[in-house]
Amino acid sequence: METANQIVSLGTFQVLKLPLGFIRVLEWLFAIFAFATCGGYSGQLRVSVDCINKSDSNLSIGINFAYPFRLNRVEFDVPMCEGRRQERLYLIGDFSSSAEFFVTIAVFSFLYSLLATVVYIFYQNKYRENNRGPLIDFIVTVVFSFMWLVSSSAWAKGLSDVKAATDPDEVVLLMSACKVQTNKCSSVYGPRWSGLNTSVVFGYLNFVLWAGNIWFVFKETGWHKGGAARYPASSSEKQATTFNQQVYNQGSFDQSGAAFTGTGDFAQSEYSQVGNYASSGPISYTNQ
């Protein structure tokens, strides 16, 4: 318990209340949902083959497939309606590239968002110590937002192909026994796609989160702070210019006042040299 308290005291958990830290936590959670719903998927479809000879029929043929959706390796046996003979068939298509690409981006984004959250909490001073940390964070955020868009789009296309390849009506067409009109082939049920549909949704939600977080990470970089610093500098320059003008005006006023005072003294000294008979006149004039 004491160790946990020491860890909490060392960390700055207030950053999680800010958009920068809060969005990182959401990215961490949504990445888990993305690769869990895709990488942990397994589906099944069932078809039936009803032969003329009922003993050769198989009304419940189960076909299982899962991530990474290399369907061309999924094999299943179906009756040929010719005695006890069976044929081994394979599904069509290999969609592992788009699925693995999507899961890889989800795993790496999960790891980076977790690492970034730890840095924000426990190493915030080192993160803000120079501009290298925010710049790396900004570049990685831009790259991951782009990769989320690409991987989600690729996986959405791959998922539509997986759905087409595992459609029971399409699988029935692969069976030779179903090409004979006397035999009846039908689908029992198809796979459930709710989990994989959810993975695509989480993929695009991750793109929105990472793209939206670009602005908040950009605000931590020197590019944004440099622009913000230039604006107060211009304001201070304006204040300095105004202050200099005020000082100049005050100095000019003092000089003029001193000149005026000097003129008055000169007038009084000139007047003092005049006789006493005229002292009252100029004095009264000056008072006026």
Protein backbone atom coordinates (compact mmCIF):
# COMPACT_ATOMS: atom_id res chain seq x y z
CA MET A 1 0.00 0.00 0.00
CA GLU A 2 2.85 2.38 0.82
CA THR A 3 4.51 1.63 -2.52
CA ALA A 4 1.30 2.47 -4.34
CA ASN A 5 1.01 5.74 -2.43
CA GLN A 6 4.60 6.64 -3.31
CA ILE A 7 3.94 5.98 -6.99
CA VAL A 8 0.82 8.12 -6.91
CA SER A 9 2.66 10.91 -5.13
CA LEU A 10 5.44 10.88 -7.72
CA GLY A 11 3.05 11.05 -10.67
CA THR A 12 1.20 14.05 -12.02
CA PHE A 13 -2.22 12.53 -12.61
CA GLN A 14 -3.75 15.94 -13.26
CA VAL A 15 -2.64 15.57 -16.88
CA LEU A 16 -5.32 12.91 -17.34
CA LYS A 17 -7.93 15.63 -16.87
CA LEU A 18 -6.50 17.53 -19.82
CA PRO A 19 -7.41 16.62 -23.42
CA LEU A 20 -3.84 15.49 -24.14
CA GLY A 21 -3.83 12.82 -21.43
CA PHE A 22 -7.52 11.95 -21.53
CA ILE A 23 -7.49 11.21 -25.27
CA ARG A 24 -4.41 9.02 -24.81
CA VAL A 25 -6.35 6.90 -22.34
CA LEU A 26 -9.23 6.60 -24.82
CA GLU A 27 -6.78 5.60 -27.55
CA TRP A 28 -5.40 2.93 -25.26
CA LEU A 29 -8.86 1.48 -24.56
CA PHE A 30 -10.15 1.69 -28.13
CA ALA A 31 -7.01 -0.01 -29.44
CA ILE A 32 -7.70 -2.94 -27.11
CA PHE A 33 -11.26 -3.22 -28.43
CA ALA A 34 -10.05 -3.03 -32.03
CA PHE A 35 -7.52 -5.86 -31.94
CA ALA A 36 -9.58 -7.97 -29.52
CA THR A 37 -12.70 -7.96 -31.71
CA CYS A 38 -10.70 -8.75 -34.85
CA GLY A 39 -7.89 -10.97 -33.59
CA GLY A 40 -10.12 -13.01 -31.31
CA TYR A 41 -12.81 -13.77 -33.86
CA SER A 42 -13.86 -17.29 -34.85
CA GLY A 43 -16.89 -18.09 -36.98
CA GLN A 44 -18.77 -21.07 -38.27
CA LEU A 45 -21.19 -21.82 -41.07
CA ARG A 46 -23.23 -24.93 -41.75
CA VAL A 47 -24.59 -26.41 -44.95
CA SER A 48 -26.52 -29.55 -45.74
CA VAL A 49 -26.34 -32.06 -48.60
CA ASP A 50 -29.47 -34.18 -49.10
CA CYS A 51 -28.73 -37.00 -51.50
CA ILE A 52 -31.22 -39.25 -53.23
CA ASN A 53 -29.85 -42.07 -51.16
CA LYS A 54 -30.57 -40.77 -47.69
CA SER A 55 -27.80 -42.83 -46.17
CA ASP A 56 -25.24 -40.81 -48.11
CA SER A 57 -26.66 -37.47 -46.98
CA ASN A 58 -25.08 -35.11 -44.49
CA LEU A 59 -27.47 -32.47 -43.22
CA SER A 60 -25.06 -30.66 -40.94
CA ILE A 61 -21.65 -29.90 -42.40
CA GLY A 62 -19.81 -27.49 -40.15
CA ILE A 63 -17.09 -25.21 -41.51
CA ASN A 64 -15.01 -23.30 -38.99
CA PHE A 65 -12.71 -20.37 -39.73
CA ALA A 66 -10.96 -17.73 -37.65
CA TYR A 67 -8.38 -14.96 -37.66
CA PRO A 68 -6.18 -14.37 -39.69
CA PHE A 69 -8.73 -15.54 -42.30
CA ARG A 70 -6.57 -17.70 -44.52
CA LEU A 71 -9.68 -19.28 -45.93
CA ASN A 72 -7.81 -21.23 -48.59
CA ARG A 73 -6.44 -23.36 -45.76
CA VAL A 74 -9.85 -24.12 -44.24
CA GLU A 75 -10.81 -27.64 -45.29
CA PHE A 76 -14.03 -29.58 -44.93
CA ASP A 77 -15.38 -32.92 -46.18
CA VAL A 78 -18.72 -33.24 -48.00
CA PRO A 79 -20.51 -36.28 -49.42
CA MET A 80 -20.48 -36.87 -53.17
CA CYS A 81 -23.78 -38.77 -53.07
CA GLU A 82 -22.01 -41.71 -54.69
CA GLY A 83 -22.00 -44.35 -52.03
CA ARG A 84 -19.79 -43.46 -49.08
CA ARG A 85 -17.42 -41.35 -51.09
CA GLN A 86 -16.51 -37.88 -49.82
CA GLU A 87 -14.54 -35.03 -51.26
CA ARG A 88 -12.31 -32.58 -49.45
CA LEU A 89 -12.86 -28.95 -50.32
CA TYR A 90 -11.32 -25.62 -49.31
CA LEU A 91 -12.76 -22.18 -48.97
CA ILE A 92 -11.60 -19.53 -51.40
CA GLY A 93 -9.38 -16.55 -50.58
CA ASP A 94 -6.58 -15.41 -48.29
CA PHE A 95 -7.43 -12.21 -46.43
CA SER A 96 -4.76 -12.41 -43.78
CA SER A 97 -2.81 -9.38 -45.02
CA SER A 98 -5.50 -6.78 -44.30
CA ALA A 99 -6.54 -8.45 -41.03
CA GLU A 100 -2.97 -8.76 -39.71
CA PHE A 101 -2.15 -5.23 -40.79
CA PHE A 102 -5.16 -3.93 -38.86
CA VAL A 103 -4.30 -5.90 -35.73
CA THR A 104 -0.62 -4.87 -35.92
CA ILE A 105 -1.52 -1.17 -36.03
CA ALA A 106 -3.91 -1.71 -33.12
CA VAL A 107 -1.23 -3.43 -31.00
CA PHE A 108 1.46 -0.84 -31.69
CA SER A 109 -0.92 2.06 -31.06
CA PHE A 110 -1.95 0.40 -27.81
CA LEU A 111 1.68 0.16 -26.73
CA TYR A 112 2.52 3.72 -27.73
CA SER A 113 -0.54 5.27 -26.11
CA LEU A 114 0.28 3.38 -22.92
CA LEU A 115 3.90 4.55 -23.04
CA ALA A 116 2.85 8.14 -23.76
CA THR A 117 0.42 8.10 -20.83
CA VAL A 118 3.17 6.89 -18.48
CA VAL A 119 5.50 9.63 -19.76
CA TYR A 120 2.82 12.29 -19.29
CA ILE A 121 2.24 11.19 -15.70
CA PHE A 122 5.70 10.34 -14.35
CA TYR A 123 8.14 12.09 -16.70
CA GLN A 124 6.31 15.28 -17.61
CA ASN A 125 9.28 17.49 -16.68
CA LYS A 126 11.61 15.57 -18.97
CA TYR A 127 8.94 15.56 -21.66
CA ARG A 128 8.74 19.36 -21.55
CA GLU A 129 12.44 19.86 -20.89
CA ASN A 130 13.23 20.41 -24.55
CA ASN A 131 11.30 20.36 -27.78
CA ARG A 132 12.40 16.88 -28.83
CA GLY A 133 9.79 15.01 -26.79
CA PRO A 134 6.76 16.95 -28.07
CA LEU A 135 8.09 16.83 -31.65
CA ILE A 136 8.48 13.04 -31.55
CA ASP A 137 5.04 12.74 -29.98
CA PHE A 138 3.55 14.95 -32.70
CA ILE A 139 5.15 13.01 -35.58
CA VAL A 140 4.13 9.62 -34.15
CA THR A 141 0.57 10.86 -33.63
CA VAL A 142 0.32 12.00 -37.24
CA VAL A 143 1.72 8.69 -38.50
CA PHE A 144 -0.63 6.60 -36.38
CA SER A 145 -3.68 8.62 -37.40
CA PHE A 146 -2.81 8.01 -41.06
CA MET A 147 -2.12 4.31 -40.46
CA TRP A 148 -5.42 3.89 -38.65
CA LEU A 149 -7.24 5.32 -41.66
CA VAL A 150 -5.39 3.06 -44.10
CA SER A 151 -5.66 -0.11 -42.01
CA SER A 152 -9.34 0.43 -41.20
CA SER A 153 -10.19 0.98 -44.86
CA ALA A 154 -8.17 -2.08 -45.89
CA TRP A 155 -9.78 -4.23 -43.23
CA ALA A 156 -13.28 -3.00 -44.17
CA LYS A 157 -12.63 -4.15 -47.75
CA GLY A 158 -11.13 -7.42 -46.50
CA LEU A 159 -14.12 -8.04 -44.27
CA SER A 160 -16.53 -7.64 -47.17
CA ASP A 161 -14.48 -10.23 -49.11
CA VAL A 162 -14.51 -12.60 -46.13
CA LYS A 163 -18.28 -12.30 -45.93
CA ALA A 164 -18.62 -13.11 -49.61
CA ALA A 165 -16.25 -16.09 -49.41
CA THR A 166 -18.01 -17.59 -46.38
CA ASP A 167 -21.54 -17.07 -47.63
CA PRO A 168 -23.22 -20.51 -47.30
CA ASP A 169 -24.94 -20.10 -50.65
CA GLU A 170 -21.54 -19.55 -52.28
CA VAL A 171 -19.96 -22.46 -50.44
CA VAL A 172 -22.67 -24.80 -51.67
CA LEU A 173 -21.65 -24.05 -55.24
CA LEU A 174 -18.21 -25.57 -54.55
CA MET A 175 -19.69 -29.05 -53.93
CA SER A 176 -19.90 -31.41 -56.86
CA ALA A 177 -22.91 -33.20 -55.37
CA CYS A 178 -24.86 -29.94 -55.41
CA LYS A 179 -24.41 -29.66 -59.17
CA VAL A 180 -26.70 -32.66 -59.64
CA GLN A 181 -30.31 -31.55 -59.73
CA THR A 182 -31.57 -34.66 -57.94
CA ASN A 183 -29.56 -33.71 -54.85
CA LYS A 184 -30.67 -30.89 -52.61
CA CYS A 185 -28.13 -28.59 -51.01
CA SER A 186 -28.95 -25.70 -48.71
CA SER A 187 -27.46 -23.52 -46.01
CA VAL A 188 -28.29 -24.21 -42.38
CA TYR A 189 -26.93 -20.93 -40.97
CA GLY A 190 -24.19 -18.45 -41.69
CA PRO A 191 -21.50 -16.79 -39.57
CA ARG A 192 -22.24 -13.96 -37.17
CA TRP A 193 -20.49 -10.77 -38.15
CA SER A 194 -21.27 -8.48 -35.21
CA GLY A 195 -17.77 -8.83 -33.73
CA LEU A 196 -15.94 -8.06 -36.99
CA ASN A 197 -18.30 -5.20 -37.81
CA THR A 198 -17.49 -3.77 -34.40
CA SER A 199 -13.76 -4.03 -35.13
CA VAL A 200 -14.17 -1.86 -38.23
CA VAL A 201 -16.12 0.70 -36.22
CA PHE A 202 -13.41 0.80 -33.56
CA GLY A 203 -10.82 1.19 -36.29
CA TYR A 204 -12.41 4.37 -37.59
CA LEU A 205 -13.02 5.61 -34.05
CA ASN A 206 -9.32 5.22 -33.38
CA PHE A 207 -8.59 7.24 -36.48
CA VAL A 208 -10.87 10.03 -35.21
CA LEU A 209 -9.18 9.99 -31.79
CA TRP A 210 -5.65 10.07 -33.15
CA ALA A 211 -6.46 12.71 -35.76
CA GLY A 212 -8.19 14.87 -33.16
CA ASN A 213 -5.26 14.52 -30.78
CA ILE A 214 -2.88 15.99 -33.37
CA TRP A 215 -3.89 19.52 -32.37
CA PHE A 216 -3.36 18.98 -28.64
CA VAL A 217 0.06 17.44 -29.23
CA PHE A 218 0.95 20.23 -31.63
CA LYS A 219 0.25 22.77 -28.89
CA GLU A 220 3.08 21.20 -26.86
CA THR A 221 5.66 21.66 -29.62
CA GLY A 222 7.98 24.60 -30.12
CA TRP A 223 6.26 25.42 -33.40
CA HIS A 224 3.09 26.44 -31.61
CA LYS A 225 4.87 27.97 -28.62
CA GLY A 226 7.17 29.92 -30.92
CA GLY A 227 4.20 31.51 -32.67
CA ALA A 228 2.59 32.28 -29.32
CA ALA A 229 5.82 33.82 -28.07
CA ARG A 230 6.13 36.12 -31.03
CA TYR A 231 2.75 37.70 -30.36
CA PRO A 232 3.54 38.91 -26.80
CA ALA A 233 6.89 40.20 -28.09
CA SER A 234 5.12 42.49 -30.52
CA SER A 235 2.88 43.71 -27.72
CA SER A 236 5.87 44.46 -25.51
CA GLU A 237 7.51 46.31 -28.37
CA LYS A 238 4.40 48.43 -28.71
CA GLN A 239 4.42 49.16 -24.98
CA ALA A 240 8.11 50.07 -25.08
CA THR A 241 7.52 52.42 -28.00
CA THR A 242 4.62 54.09 -26.21
CA PHE A 243 6.69 54.45 -23.06
CA ASN A 244 9.57 56.04 -24.98
CA GLN A 245 7.20 58.46 -26.61
CA GLN A 246 5.83 59.41 -23.20
CA VAL A 247 9.34 59.93 -21.86
CA TYR A 248 10.23 62.02 -24.88
CA ASN A 249 7.13 64.15 -24.52
CA GLN A 250 7.79 64.63 -20.84
CA GLY A 251 11.37 65.61 -21.53
CA SER A 252 10.28 68.07 -24.18
CA PHE A 253 7.74 69.56 -21.80
CA ASP A 254 10.39 69.94 -19.10
CA GLN A 255 12.76 71.64 -21.51
CA SER A 256 10.08 74.05 -22.71
CA GLY A 257 9.11 74.73 -19.12
CA ALA A 258 12.72 75.39 -18.27
CA ALA A 259 13.04 77.69 -21.28
CA PHE A 260 9.94 79.53 -20.24
CA THR A 261 11.27 79.87 -16.73
CA GLY A 262 14.53 81.13 -18.07
CA THR A 263 12.71 83.71 -20.16
CA GLY A 264 10.82 84.88 -17.11
CA ASP A 265 14.03 85.26 -15.14
CA PHE A 266 15.59 87.15 -18.01
CA ALA A 267 12.59 89.47 -18.15
CA GLN A 268 12.76 90.05 -14.41
CA SER A 269 16.50 90.74 -14.55
CA GLU A 270 16.00 93.19 -17.40
CA TYR A 271 13.20 94.85 -15.54
CA SER A 272 15.21 95.12 -12.36
CA GLN A 273 17.67 97.30 -14.19
CA VAL A 274 14.95 99.88 -14.89
CA GLY A 275 14.30 102.64 -12.42
CA ASN A 276 12.00 102.34 -9.49
CA TYR A 277 9.63 104.76 -11.09
CA ALA A 278 8.52 102.00 -13.58
CA SER A 279 8.61 98.94 -11.26
CA SER A 280 4.96 99.07 -10.41
CA GLY A 281 3.92 99.24 -14.04
CA PRO A 282 5.60 96.11 -15.36
CA ILE A 283 4.81 94.21 -12.17
CA SER A 284 1.13 94.99 -12.49
CA TYR A 285 1.34 94.06 -16.20
CA THR A 286 3.03 90.82 -15.39
CA ASN A 287 0.43 89.94 -12.81
CA GLN A 288 -2.25 90.58 -15.39
